[in-house]
């Protein structure tokens, strides 16, 4: 159990470090323009290759935080944590950070190819998580895959330009998923710490 937890923790930490490095690079690159307030140079974003690279780095950071397809393995693996920690990480703090980052940087998605790419990746994530949940027997992993599917839906809503709808979905998902985790924790406790639903 300890080795499994250690490996899951390392996978989570290393996956998120990729996003952190991308975000730090984007911040450092933005300072090159004299301000972190990208509203001042929105017109350059459309054509300038450097601004498109900054947008790509921000999108990479959001994808790692929100566990989209190339980085999606850490979310179910992080279920080795205790249920209250899982509830905190998987409903309202870590995974929603990527969605919130893209809501704040919504003008980055003005480039149609970025929006198209995000729509493709989020659609694949939704499909993969929904399919994977059908063959899973661990109660907490099923909830983690449901979170992954919802994150894919949020990202696809974002890629279509409905930022307020994505934020509303983020808030309601955080509330109900936290409640669902608490219910799951209660069920696991009453079933003598068994997470197997068979």
Protein backbone atom coordinates (compact mmCIF):
# COMPACT_ATOMS: atom_id res chain seq x y z
CA UNK A 1 0.00 0.00 0.00
CA UNK A 2 2.82 2.41 0.87
CA UNK A 3 4.65 1.75 -2.43
CA UNK A 4 1.39 2.25 -4.35
CA UNK A 5 0.69 5.53 -2.52
CA UNK A 6 4.27 6.72 -3.08
CA UNK A 7 4.09 5.97 -6.82
CA UNK A 8 0.71 7.70 -7.13
CA UNK A 9 2.06 10.74 -5.29
CA UNK A 10 5.13 10.92 -7.53
CA UNK A 11 3.00 10.61 -10.67
CA UNK A 12 0.72 13.43 -9.48
CA UNK A 13 3.64 15.67 -8.50
CA UNK A 14 5.63 15.14 -11.71
CA UNK A 15 2.60 15.57 -13.99
CA UNK A 16 1.75 18.84 -12.29
CA UNK A 17 5.37 20.06 -12.44
CA UNK A 18 5.11 20.02 -16.27
CA UNK A 19 2.21 22.46 -16.03
CA UNK A 20 4.00 24.57 -13.43
CA UNK A 21 7.08 24.92 -15.65
CA UNK A 22 4.88 25.89 -18.63
CA UNK A 23 3.09 28.52 -16.52
CA UNK A 24 6.36 29.96 -15.17
CA UNK A 25 7.76 30.17 -18.71
CA UNK A 26 4.60 32.00 -19.84
CA UNK A 27 4.89 34.45 -16.91
CA UNK A 28 8.58 35.13 -17.66
CA UNK A 29 7.83 35.58 -21.37
CA UNK A 30 4.97 37.99 -20.63
CA UNK A 31 7.33 40.19 -18.61
CA UNK A 32 9.27 40.63 -21.86
CA UNK A 33 6.36 42.79 -23.04
CA UNK A 34 6.54 45.02 -19.95
CA UNK A 35 3.36 43.83 -18.26
CA UNK A 36 1.56 40.73 -17.03
CA UNK A 37 -1.74 42.31 -18.03
CA UNK A 38 -2.20 40.71 -21.45
CA UNK A 39 -5.20 42.97 -22.21
CA UNK A 40 -2.65 45.61 -23.31
CA UNK A 41 -1.30 43.47 -26.13
CA UNK A 42 -4.36 41.50 -27.24
CA UNK A 43 -4.06 42.79 -30.81
CA UNK A 44 -0.59 41.25 -31.10
CA UNK A 45 -1.91 37.90 -29.88
CA UNK A 46 -3.69 37.23 -33.15
CA UNK A 47 -0.62 37.27 -35.39
CA UNK A 48 2.53 37.34 -33.27
CA UNK A 49 4.14 33.89 -33.01
CA UNK A 50 5.56 34.68 -29.55
CA UNK A 51 2.13 35.53 -28.19
CA UNK A 52 0.75 32.33 -29.69
CA UNK A 53 3.54 30.43 -27.92
CA UNK A 54 2.62 32.09 -24.61
CA UNK A 55 -1.00 31.08 -25.22
CA UNK A 56 0.13 27.53 -25.96
CA UNK A 57 2.12 27.39 -22.70
CA UNK A 58 -0.89 28.62 -20.71
CA UNK A 59 -3.05 25.99 -22.41
CA UNK A 60 -0.47 23.27 -21.61
CA UNK A 61 -0.51 24.34 -17.94
CA UNK A 62 -4.32 24.20 -17.89
CA UNK A 63 -4.31 20.75 -19.52
CA UNK A 64 -1.93 19.29 -16.94
CA UNK A 65 -3.86 20.77 -14.01
CA UNK A 66 -7.19 19.59 -15.41
CA UNK A 67 -5.82 16.15 -16.36
CA UNK A 68 -6.64 16.26 -20.07
CA UNK A 69 -5.68 13.33 -22.28
CA UNK A 70 -1.87 13.12 -22.37
CA UNK A 71 -1.73 13.92 -18.63
CA UNK A 72 -4.91 12.17 -17.46
CA UNK A 73 -3.24 9.22 -15.69
CA UNK A 74 -2.50 11.11 -12.46
CA UNK A 75 -6.15 11.80 -11.56
CA UNK A 76 -7.33 8.20 -10.99
CA UNK A 77 -3.92 7.31 -9.48
CA UNK A 78 -4.29 10.06 -6.86
CA UNK A 79 -7.20 8.10 -5.40
CA UNK A 80 -4.66 6.38 -3.14
CA UNK A 81 -5.10 9.42 -0.87
CA UNK A 82 -7.63 9.34 2.01
CA UNK A 83 -11.21 10.22 1.04
CA UNK A 84 -11.30 13.78 2.55
CA UNK A 85 -8.06 14.64 0.70
CA UNK A 86 -9.52 13.18 -2.51
CA UNK A 87 -12.64 15.28 -2.02
CA UNK A 88 -10.57 18.44 -1.65
CA UNK A 89 -8.22 17.75 -4.57
CA UNK A 90 -10.76 16.33 -7.00
CA UNK A 91 -13.72 18.62 -6.48
CA UNK A 92 -12.70 22.16 -5.71
CA UNK A 93 -8.96 22.87 -5.67
CA UNK A 94 -6.43 21.24 -8.00
CA UNK A 95 -8.41 20.01 -11.00
CA UNK A 96 -10.53 23.15 -11.26
CA UNK A 97 -7.40 25.34 -11.35
CA UNK A 98 -6.82 24.52 -15.03
CA UNK A 99 -10.38 25.39 -16.02
CA UNK A 100 -10.21 28.65 -14.04
CA UNK A 101 -6.85 29.50 -15.66
CA UNK A 102 -8.38 29.18 -19.13
CA UNK A 103 -11.43 31.22 -18.06
CA UNK A 104 -9.07 34.02 -16.97
CA UNK A 105 -7.04 33.73 -20.18
CA UNK A 106 -10.08 33.28 -22.41
CA UNK A 107 -8.69 35.59 -25.11
CA UNK A 108 -5.82 33.14 -25.61
CA UNK A 109 -8.36 30.85 -27.29
CA UNK A 110 -9.05 33.47 -29.97
CA UNK A 111 -6.77 31.49 -32.27
CA UNK A 112 -9.12 29.00 -33.92
CA UNK A 113 -6.51 26.22 -34.01
CA UNK A 114 -6.06 26.41 -30.22
CA UNK A 115 -9.81 26.18 -29.68
CA UNK A 116 -10.08 23.29 -32.16
CA UNK A 117 -7.19 21.44 -30.50
CA UNK A 118 -8.72 21.92 -27.04
CA UNK A 119 -12.10 20.68 -28.29
CA UNK A 120 -10.49 17.53 -29.73
CA UNK A 121 -8.47 16.78 -26.58
CA UNK A 122 -11.39 17.43 -24.20
CA UNK A 123 -13.73 15.29 -26.31
CA UNK A 124 -11.22 12.42 -26.21
CA UNK A 125 -10.83 12.85 -22.44
CA UNK A 126 -14.61 12.75 -21.94
CA UNK A 127 -14.96 9.60 -24.05
CA UNK A 128 -11.97 7.83 -22.46
CA UNK A 129 -13.10 8.59 -18.88
CA UNK A 130 -16.69 7.54 -19.55
CA UNK A 131 -15.57 4.29 -21.18
CA UNK A 132 -13.04 3.54 -18.43
CA UNK A 133 -15.60 4.03 -15.64
CA UNK A 134 -17.75 1.22 -17.08
CA UNK A 135 -15.03 -1.36 -16.38
CA UNK A 136 -13.89 -0.11 -12.96
CA UNK A 137 -14.79 -1.74 -9.62
CA UNK A 138 -13.15 0.69 -7.19
CA UNK A 139 -15.75 3.17 -5.90
CA UNK A 140 -13.32 6.08 -5.58
CA UNK A 141 -11.81 5.46 -9.02
CA UNK A 142 -15.28 5.55 -10.57
CA UNK A 143 -15.84 8.97 -8.97
CA UNK A 144 -12.39 10.11 -10.18
CA UNK A 145 -13.23 9.07 -13.75
CA UNK A 146 -16.56 10.88 -13.46
CA UNK A 147 -14.60 14.00 -12.43
CA UNK A 148 -12.34 13.53 -15.45
CA UNK A 149 -15.36 13.28 -17.75
CA UNK A 150 -16.85 16.47 -16.27
CA UNK A 151 -13.51 18.28 -16.70
CA UNK A 152 -13.49 17.25 -20.35
CA UNK A 153 -16.99 18.71 -20.70
CA UNK A 154 -15.90 21.98 -19.03
CA UNK A 155 -12.92 22.26 -21.37
CA UNK A 156 -15.07 21.59 -24.44
CA UNK A 157 -17.54 24.29 -23.29
CA UNK A 158 -14.56 26.66 -22.91
CA UNK A 159 -13.24 25.83 -26.37
CA UNK A 160 -16.61 26.84 -27.85
CA UNK A 161 -16.41 30.23 -26.14
CA UNK A 162 -19.04 29.85 -23.37
CA UNK A 163 -16.85 31.05 -20.46
CA UNK A 164 -19.66 31.93 -18.04
CA UNK A 165 -21.36 28.58 -18.61
CA UNK A 166 -18.04 26.78 -17.95
CA UNK A 167 -17.60 28.74 -14.69
CA UNK A 168 -21.16 27.88 -13.59
CA UNK A 169 -20.49 24.21 -14.37
CA UNK A 170 -17.22 24.41 -12.40
CA UNK A 171 -19.00 25.77 -9.29
CA UNK A 172 -21.90 23.31 -9.36
CA UNK A 173 -19.55 20.37 -10.04
CA UNK A 174 -17.32 21.37 -7.10
CA UNK A 175 -20.31 21.46 -4.74
CA UNK A 176 -21.92 18.19 -5.78
CA UNK A 177 -18.69 16.23 -6.24
CA UNK A 178 -17.55 17.19 -2.72
CA UNK A 179 -20.88 15.91 -1.37
CA UNK A 180 -20.55 12.73 -3.46
CA UNK A 181 -17.07 12.09 -2.04
CA UNK A 182 -18.34 12.53 1.51
CA UNK A 183 -21.15 10.04 0.80
CA UNK A 184 -18.63 7.62 -0.73
CA UNK A 185 -16.40 7.96 2.35
CA UNK A 186 -19.35 7.17 4.60
CA UNK A 187 -20.26 4.09 2.49
CA UNK A 188 -16.63 2.83 2.52
CA UNK A 189 -16.47 3.31 6.31
CA UNK A 190 -19.73 1.41 6.86
CA UNK A 191 -18.63 -1.43 4.56
CA UNK A 192 -15.55 -2.10 6.76
CA UNK A 193 -13.16 -0.11 4.51
CA UNK A 194 -14.01 -2.02 1.34
CA UNK A 195 -13.98 0.08 -1.84
CA UNK A 196 -14.90 -2.80 -4.16
CA UNK A 197 -18.45 -2.43 -5.47
CA UNK A 198 -18.77 -6.06 -6.67
